PDB file of N, CA and C in Angstrom:
ATOM      1  N   MET A   1     159.569  -6.142 175.229  1.00  0.00           N
ATOM      2  CA  MET A   1     158.851  -4.881 175.390  1.00  0.00           C
ATOM      3  C   MET A   1     158.689  -4.620 176.879  1.00  0.00           C
ATOM      4  N   SER A   2     159.196  -3.499 177.346  1.00  0.00           N
ATOM      5  CA  SER A   2     159.080  -3.192 178.769  1.00  0.00           C
ATOM      6  C   SER A   2     157.970  -2.179 178.970  1.00  0.00           C
ATOM      7  N   SER A   3     157.220  -2.362 180.020  1.00  0.00           N
ATOM      8  CA  SER A   3     156.132  -1.422 180.302  1.00  0.00           C
ATOM      9  C   SER A   3     156.574  -0.512 181.432  1.00  0.00           C
ATOM     10  N   ASN A   4     156.727   0.738 181.097  1.00  0.00           N
ATOM     11  CA  ASN A   4     157.148   1.751 182.048  1.00  0.00           C
ATOM     12  C   ASN A   4     155.962   2.634 182.374  1.00  0.00           C
ATOM     13  N   PHE A   5     155.192   2.311 183.389  1.00  0.00           N
ATOM     14  CA  PHE A   5     154.058   3.129 183.769  1.00  0.00           C
ATOM     15  C   PHE A   5     153.936   3.149 185.278  1.00  0.00           C
ATOM     16  N   GLU A   6     153.358   4.235 185.756  1.00  0.00           N
ATOM     17  CA  GLU A   6     153.157   4.396 187.193  1.00  0.00           C
ATOM     18  C   GLU A   6     151.816   3.793 187.589  1.00  0.00           C
ATOM     19  N   VAL A   7     151.771   3.260 188.811  1.00  0.00           N
ATOM     20  CA  VAL A   7     150.557   2.658 189.332  1.00  0.00           C
ATOM     21  C   VAL A   7     150.220   3.356 190.642  1.00  0.00           C
ATOM     22  N   ASP A   8     148.928   3.679 190.844  1.00  0.00           N
ATOM     23  CA  ASP A   8     148.536   4.318 192.092  1.00  0.00           C
ATOM     24  C   ASP A   8     148.363   3.271 193.188  1.00  0.00           C
ATOM     25  N   SER A   9     147.982   3.706 194.387  1.00  0.00           N
ATOM     26  CA  SER A   9     147.887   2.809 195.536  1.00  0.00           C
ATOM     27  C   SER A   9     146.806   1.743 195.370  1.00  0.00           C
ATOM     28  N   ASP A  10     145.844   1.967 194.476  1.00  0.00           N
ATOM     29  CA  ASP A  10     144.785   0.989 194.230  1.00  0.00           C
ATOM     30  C   ASP A  10     145.135   0.021 193.104  1.00  0.00           C
ATOM     31  N   GLY A  11     146.293   0.200 192.479  1.00  0.00           N
ATOM     32  CA  GLY A  11     146.718  -0.693 191.412  1.00  0.00           C
ATOM     33  C   GLY A  11     146.316  -0.245 190.025  1.00  0.00           C
ATOM     34  N   PHE A  12     145.775   0.969 189.896  1.00  0.00           N
ATOM     35  CA  PHE A  12     145.378   1.480 188.586  1.00  0.00           C
ATOM     36  C   PHE A  12     146.532   2.240 187.945  1.00  0.00           C
ATOM     37  N   GLN A  13     146.639   2.128 186.637  1.00  0.00           N
ATOM     38  CA  GLN A  13     147.685   2.832 185.908  1.00  0.00           C
ATOM     39  C   GLN A  13     147.383   4.318 185.866  1.00  0.00           C
ATOM     40  N   ILE A  14     148.380   5.139 186.165  1.00  0.00           N
ATOM     41  CA  ILE A  14     148.222   6.593 186.120  1.00  0.00           C
ATOM     42  C   ILE A  14     148.443   7.031 184.675  1.00  0.00           C
ATOM     43  N   VAL A  15     147.468   7.735 184.112  1.00  0.00           N
ATOM     44  CA  VAL A  15     147.529   8.182 182.726  1.00  0.00           C
ATOM     45  C   VAL A  15     147.831   9.670 182.716  1.00  0.00           C
ATOM     46  N   LYS A  16     148.812  10.042 181.919  1.00  0.00           N
ATOM     47  CA  LYS A  16     149.190  11.452 181.814  1.00  0.00           C
ATOM     48  C   LYS A  16     148.721  11.983 180.467  1.00  0.00           C
ATOM     49  N   SER A  17     148.273  13.228 180.458  1.00  0.00           N
ATOM     50  CA  SER A  17     147.781  13.846 179.234  1.00  0.00           C
ATOM     51  C   SER A  17     148.929  14.093 178.271  1.00  0.00           C
ATOM     52  N   LYS A  18     148.683  13.857 176.989  1.00  0.00           N
ATOM     53  CA  LYS A  18     149.690  14.107 175.967  1.00  0.00           C
ATOM     54  C   LYS A  18     149.566  15.523 175.409  1.00  0.00           C
ATOM     55  N   ARG A  19     148.502  16.188 175.765  1.00  0.00           N
ATOM     56  CA  ARG A  19     148.267  17.541 175.250  1.00  0.00           C
ATOM     57  C   ARG A  19     149.023  18.572 176.070  1.00  0.00           C
ATOM     58  N   ASN A  20     149.424  19.610 175.413  1.00  0.00           N
ATOM     59  CA  ASN A  20     150.072  20.726 176.079  1.00  0.00           C
ATOM     60  C   ASN A  20     149.007  21.798 176.293  1.00  0.00           C
ATOM     61  N   ASN A  21     148.512  21.937 177.503  1.00  0.00           N
ATOM     62  CA  ASN A  21     147.421  22.868 177.786  1.00  0.00           C
ATOM     63  C   ASN A  21     147.860  24.324 177.837  1.00  0.00           C
ATOM     64  N   LYS A  22     149.174  24.570 177.855  1.00  0.00           N
ATOM     65  CA  LYS A  22     149.662  25.942 177.921  1.00  0.00           C
ATOM     66  C   LYS A  22     149.345  26.710 176.642  1.00  0.00           C
ATOM     67  N   ASN A  23     149.401  26.027 175.518  1.00  0.00           N
ATOM     68  CA  ASN A  23     149.185  26.688 174.233  1.00  0.00           C
ATOM     69  C   ASN A  23     147.793  26.419 173.665  1.00  0.00           C
ATOM     70  N   LYS A  24     146.900  25.970 174.510  1.00  0.00           N
ATOM     71  CA  LYS A  24     145.558  25.629 174.046  1.00  0.00           C
ATOM     72  C   LYS A  24     144.798  26.897 173.647  1.00  0.00           C
ATOM     73  N   GLN A  25     144.258  26.875 172.457  1.00  0.00           N
ATOM     74  CA  GLN A  25     143.480  28.006 171.975  1.00  0.00           C
ATOM     75  C   GLN A  25     142.024  27.596 171.861  1.00  0.00           C
ATOM     76  N   THR A  26     141.150  28.543 172.103  1.00  0.00           N
ATOM     77  CA  THR A  26     139.736  28.241 171.966  1.00  0.00           C
ATOM     78  C   THR A  26     139.388  28.166 170.481  1.00  0.00           C
ATOM     79  N   LYS A  27     138.423  27.337 170.162  1.00  0.00           N
ATOM     80  CA  LYS A  27     138.012  27.193 168.771  1.00  0.00           C
ATOM     81  C   LYS A  27     137.222  28.397 168.293  1.00  0.00           C
ATOM     82  N   ILE A  28     136.482  29.011 169.204  1.00  0.00           N
ATOM     83  CA  ILE A  28     135.686  30.180 168.859  1.00  0.00           C
ATOM     84  C   ILE A  28     136.292  31.392 169.558  1.00  0.00           C
ATOM     85  N   PRO A  29     136.751  32.367 168.801  1.00  0.00           N
ATOM     86  CA  PRO A  29     137.353  33.536 169.447  1.00  0.00           C
ATOM     87  C   PRO A  29     136.302  34.319 170.238  1.00  0.00           C
ATOM     88  N   PRO A  30     136.699  34.909 171.352  1.00  0.00           N
ATOM     89  CA  PRO A  30     135.730  35.683 172.139  1.00  0.00           C
ATOM     90  C   PRO A  30     135.220  36.875 171.335  1.00  0.00           C
ATOM     91  N   GLN A  31     133.935  37.167 171.522  1.00  0.00           N
ATOM     92  CA  GLN A  31     133.330  38.279 170.802  1.00  0.00           C
ATOM     93  C   GLN A  31     132.973  39.376 171.788  1.00  0.00           C
ATOM     94  N   VAL A  32     133.266  40.583 171.404  1.00  0.00           N
ATOM     95  CA  VAL A  32     132.906  41.729 172.229  1.00  0.00           C
ATOM     96  C   VAL A  32     131.470  42.090 171.894  1.00  0.00           C
ATOM     97  N   LYS A  33     130.634  42.119 172.910  1.00  0.00           N
ATOM     98  CA  LYS A  33     129.230  42.461 172.687  1.00  0.00           C
ATOM     99  C   LYS A  33     128.910  43.732 173.453  1.00  0.00           C
ATOM    100  N   ASP A  34     128.242  44.617 172.775  1.00  0.00           N
ATOM    101  CA  ASP A  34     127.817  45.844 173.432  1.00  0.00           C
ATOM    102  C   ASP A  34     126.529  45.563 174.174  1.00  0.00           C
ATOM    103  N   PHE A  35     126.535  45.844 175.458  1.00  0.00           N
ATOM    104  CA  PHE A  35     125.354  45.635 176.285  1.00  0.00           C
ATOM    105  C   PHE A  35     124.654  46.974 176.457  1.00  0.00           C
ATOM    106  N   ILE A  36     123.420  47.013 176.043  1.00  0.00           N
ATOM    107  CA  ILE A  36     122.641  48.243 176.173  1.00  0.00           C
ATOM    108  C   ILE A  36     121.625  48.032 177.288  1.00  0.00           C
ATOM    109  N   LYS A  37     121.776  48.782 178.337  1.00  0.00           N
ATOM    110  CA  LYS A  37     120.870  48.666 179.472  1.00  0.00           C
ATOM    111  C   LYS A  37     119.620  49.500 179.176  1.00  0.00           C
ATOM    112  N   THR A  38     118.483  48.856 179.312  1.00  0.00           N
ATOM    113  CA  THR A  38     117.235  49.575 179.124  1.00  0.00           C
ATOM    114  C   THR A  38     116.422  49.489 180.397  1.00  0.00           C
ATOM    115  N   ASP A  39     115.715  50.530 180.685  1.00  0.00           N
ATOM    116  CA  ASP A  39     114.856  50.534 181.861  1.00  0.00           C
ATOM    117  C   ASP A  39     113.596  49.727 181.560  1.00  0.00           C
ATOM    118  N   ILE A  40     113.227  48.895 182.502  1.00  0.00           N
ATOM    119  CA  ILE A  40     112.045  48.060 182.350  1.00  0.00           C
ATOM    120  C   ILE A  40     111.031  48.492 183.403  1.00  0.00           C
ATOM    121  N   ASP A  41     109.824  48.752 182.948  1.00  0.00           N
ATOM    122  CA  ASP A  41     108.768  49.108 183.883  1.00  0.00           C
ATOM    123  C   ASP A  41     108.143  47.812 184.412  1.00  0.00           C
ATOM    124  N   ILE A  42     108.117  47.669 185.721  1.00  0.00           N
ATOM    125  CA  ILE A  42     107.553  46.481 186.353  1.00  0.00           C
ATOM    126  C   ILE A  42     106.341  46.884 187.164  1.00  0.00           C
ATOM    127  N   ASP A  43     105.238  46.221 186.910  1.00  0.00           N
ATOM    128  CA  ASP A  43     104.036  46.422 187.698  1.00  0.00           C
ATOM    129  C   ASP A  43     104.191  45.581 188.967  1.00  0.00           C
ATOM    130  N   VAL A  44     104.618  46.220 190.042  1.00  0.00           N
ATOM    131  CA  VAL A  44     104.950  45.526 191.279  1.00  0.00           C
ATOM    132  C   VAL A  44     103.736  44.789 191.849  1.00  0.00           C
ATOM    133  N   GLU A  45     102.583  45.423 191.847  1.00  0.00           N
ATOM    134  CA  GLU A  45     101.380  44.779 192.390  1.00  0.00           C
ATOM    135  C   GLU A  45     101.022  43.513 191.609  1.00  0.00           C
ATOM    136  N   LYS A  46     101.136  43.588 190.290  1.00  0.00           N
ATOM    137  CA  LYS A  46     100.839  42.428 189.452  1.00  0.00           C
ATOM    138  C   LYS A  46     101.853  41.310 189.721  1.00  0.00           C
ATOM    139  N   ALA A  47     103.119  41.666 189.870  1.00  0.00           N
ATOM    140  CA  ALA A  47     104.164  40.673 190.141  1.00  0.00           C
ATOM    141  C   ALA A  47     103.925  39.992 191.487  1.00  0.00           C
ATOM    142  N   ILE A  48     103.576  40.763 192.502  1.00  0.00           N
ATOM    143  CA  ILE A  48     103.290  40.198 193.829  1.00  0.00           C
ATOM    144  C   ILE A  48     102.097  39.257 193.745  1.00  0.00           C
ATOM    145  N   GLY A  49     101.089  39.628 192.997  1.00  0.00           N
ATOM    146  CA  GLY A  49      99.910  38.781 192.824  1.00  0.00           C
ATOM    147  C   GLY A  49     100.256  37.461 192.145  1.00  0.00           C
ATOM    148  N   ARG A  50     101.097  37.512 191.126  1.00  0.00           N
ATOM    149  CA  ARG A  50     101.493  36.292 190.416  1.00  0.00           C
ATOM    150  C   ARG A  50     102.336  35.382 191.302  1.00  0.00           C
ATOM    151  N   ILE A  51     103.217  35.983 192.093  1.00  0.00           N
ATOM    152  CA  ILE A  51     104.043  35.198 193.014  1.00  0.00           C
ATOM    153  C   ILE A  51     103.171  34.551 194.081  1.00  0.00           C
ATOM    154  N   SER A  52     102.235  35.300 194.626  1.00  0.00           N
ATOM    155  CA  SER A  52     101.334  34.755 195.648  1.00  0.00           C
ATOM    156  C   SER A  52     100.507  33.604 195.081  1.00  0.00           C
ATOM    157  N   SER A  53     100.045  33.750 193.862  1.00  0.00           N
ATOM    158  CA  SER A  53      99.273  32.700 193.216  1.00  0.00           C
ATOM    159  C   SER A  53     100.116  31.445 193.017  1.00  0.00           C
ATOM    160  N   ALA A  54     101.362  31.630 192.612  1.00  0.00           N
ATOM    161  CA  ALA A  54     102.262  30.497 192.414  1.00  0.00           C
ATOM    162  C   ALA A  54     102.549  29.792 193.738  1.00  0.00           C
ATOM    163  N   VAL A  55     102.719  30.557 194.802  1.00  0.00           N
ATOM    164  CA  VAL A  55     102.957  29.972 196.131  1.00  0.00           C
ATOM    165  C   VAL A  55     101.746  29.157 196.564  1.00  0.00           C
ATOM    166  N   ASP A  56     100.549  29.702 196.368  1.00  0.00           N
ATOM    167  CA  ASP A  56      99.328  28.972 196.729  1.00  0.00           C
ATOM    168  C   ASP A  56      99.202  27.674 195.932  1.00  0.00           C
ATOM    169  N   ASP A  57      99.494  27.737 194.621  1.00  0.00           N
ATOM    170  CA  ASP A  57      99.436  26.535 193.792  1.00  0.00           C
ATOM    171  C   ASP A  57     100.431  25.484 194.280  1.00  0.00           C
ATOM    172  N   LEU A  58     101.613  25.933 194.634  1.00  0.00           N
ATOM    173  CA  LEU A  58     102.635  25.013 195.107  1.00  0.00           C
ATOM    174  C   LEU A  58     102.235  24.367 196.430  1.00  0.00           C
ATOM    175  N   LYS A  59     101.664  25.151 197.332  1.00  0.00           N
ATOM    176  CA  LYS A  59     101.252  24.624 198.644  1.00  0.00           C
ATOM    177  C   LYS A  59     100.174  23.545 198.500  1.00  0.00           C
ATOM    178  N   GLN A  60      99.391  23.614 197.430  1.00  0.00           N
ATOM    179  CA  GLN A  60      98.315  22.649 197.226  1.00  0.00           C
ATOM    180  C   GLN A  60      98.731  21.477 196.338  1.00  0.00           C
ATOM    181  N   SER A  61      99.997  21.429 195.933  1.00  0.00           N
ATOM    182  CA  SER A  61     100.436  20.401 194.991  1.00  0.00           C
ATOM    183  C   SER A  61     100.906  19.134 195.709  1.00  0.00           C
ATOM    184  N   GLN A  62     100.877  18.038 194.983  1.00  0.00           N
ATOM    185  CA  GLN A  62     101.384  16.764 195.500  1.00  0.00           C
ATOM    186  C   GLN A  62     102.889  16.853 195.717  1.00  0.00           C
ATOM    187  N   TYR A  63     103.572  17.600 194.872  1.00  0.00           N
ATOM    188  CA  TYR A  63     105.019  17.776 195.015  1.00  0.00           C
ATOM    189  C   TYR A  63     105.353  18.351 196.388  1.00  0.00           C
ATOM    190  N   PHE A  64     104.630  19.386 196.785  1.00  0.00           N
ATOM    191  CA  PHE A  64     104.865  20.016 198.085  1.00  0.00           C
ATOM    192  C   PHE A  64     104.622  19.016 199.212  1.00  0.00           C
ATOM    193  N   GLU A  65     103.569  18.241 199.085  1.00  0.00           N
ATOM    194  CA  GLU A  65     103.264  17.222 200.099  1.00  0.00           C
ATOM    195  C   GLU A  65     104.403  16.212 200.206  1.00  0.00           C
ATOM    196  N   ASP A  66     104.943  15.801 199.059  1.00  0.00           N
ATOM    197  CA  ASP A  66     106.034  14.835 199.058  1.00  0.00           C
ATOM    198  C   ASP A  66     107.308  15.421 199.658  1.00  0.00           C
ATOM    199  N   VAL A  67     107.542  16.706 199.418  1.00  0.00           N
ATOM    200  CA  VAL A  67     108.758  17.348 199.917  1.00  0.00           C
ATOM    201  C   VAL A  67     108.727  17.499 201.438  1.00  0.00           C
ATOM    202  N   ILE A  68     107.579  17.872 201.992  1.00  0.00           N
ATOM    203  CA  ILE A  68     107.518  18.109 203.438  1.00  0.00           C
ATOM    204  C   ILE A  68     107.266  16.845 204.246  1.00  0.00           C
ATOM    205  N   LYS A  69     107.033  15.730 203.548  1.00  0.00           N
ATOM    206  CA  LYS A  69     106.762  14.467 204.230  1.00  0.00           C
ATOM    207  C   LYS A  69     108.011  14.041 205.013  1.00  0.00           C
ATOM    208  N   PRO A  70     107.847  13.690 206.289  1.00  0.00           N
ATOM    209  CA  PRO A  70     109.035  13.259 207.065  1.00  0.00           C
ATOM    210  C   PRO A  70     109.583  11.928 206.523  1.00  0.00           C
ATOM    211  N   VAL A  71     110.870  11.797 206.620  1.00  0.00           N
ATOM    212  CA  VAL A  71     111.529  10.599 206.085  1.00  0.00           C
ATOM    213  C   VAL A  71     111.415   9.440 207.016  1.00  0.00           C
TER     214      VAL A  71
END
């Protein structure tokens, strides 16, 4: 029995795929979806307040302290 295989520079056997990727079909066919854009009303002041609150919470957290700690 002769072993006909290629070896890379590190001594590992090079494995070639047995699959033919040219004719590969997806298992789930693509579906066309209708996207309906709707206008969303955003309370900008409320959003800014929530973001500011989240920033303040983060600044007071242990996580923030650990992140800014010099290495």
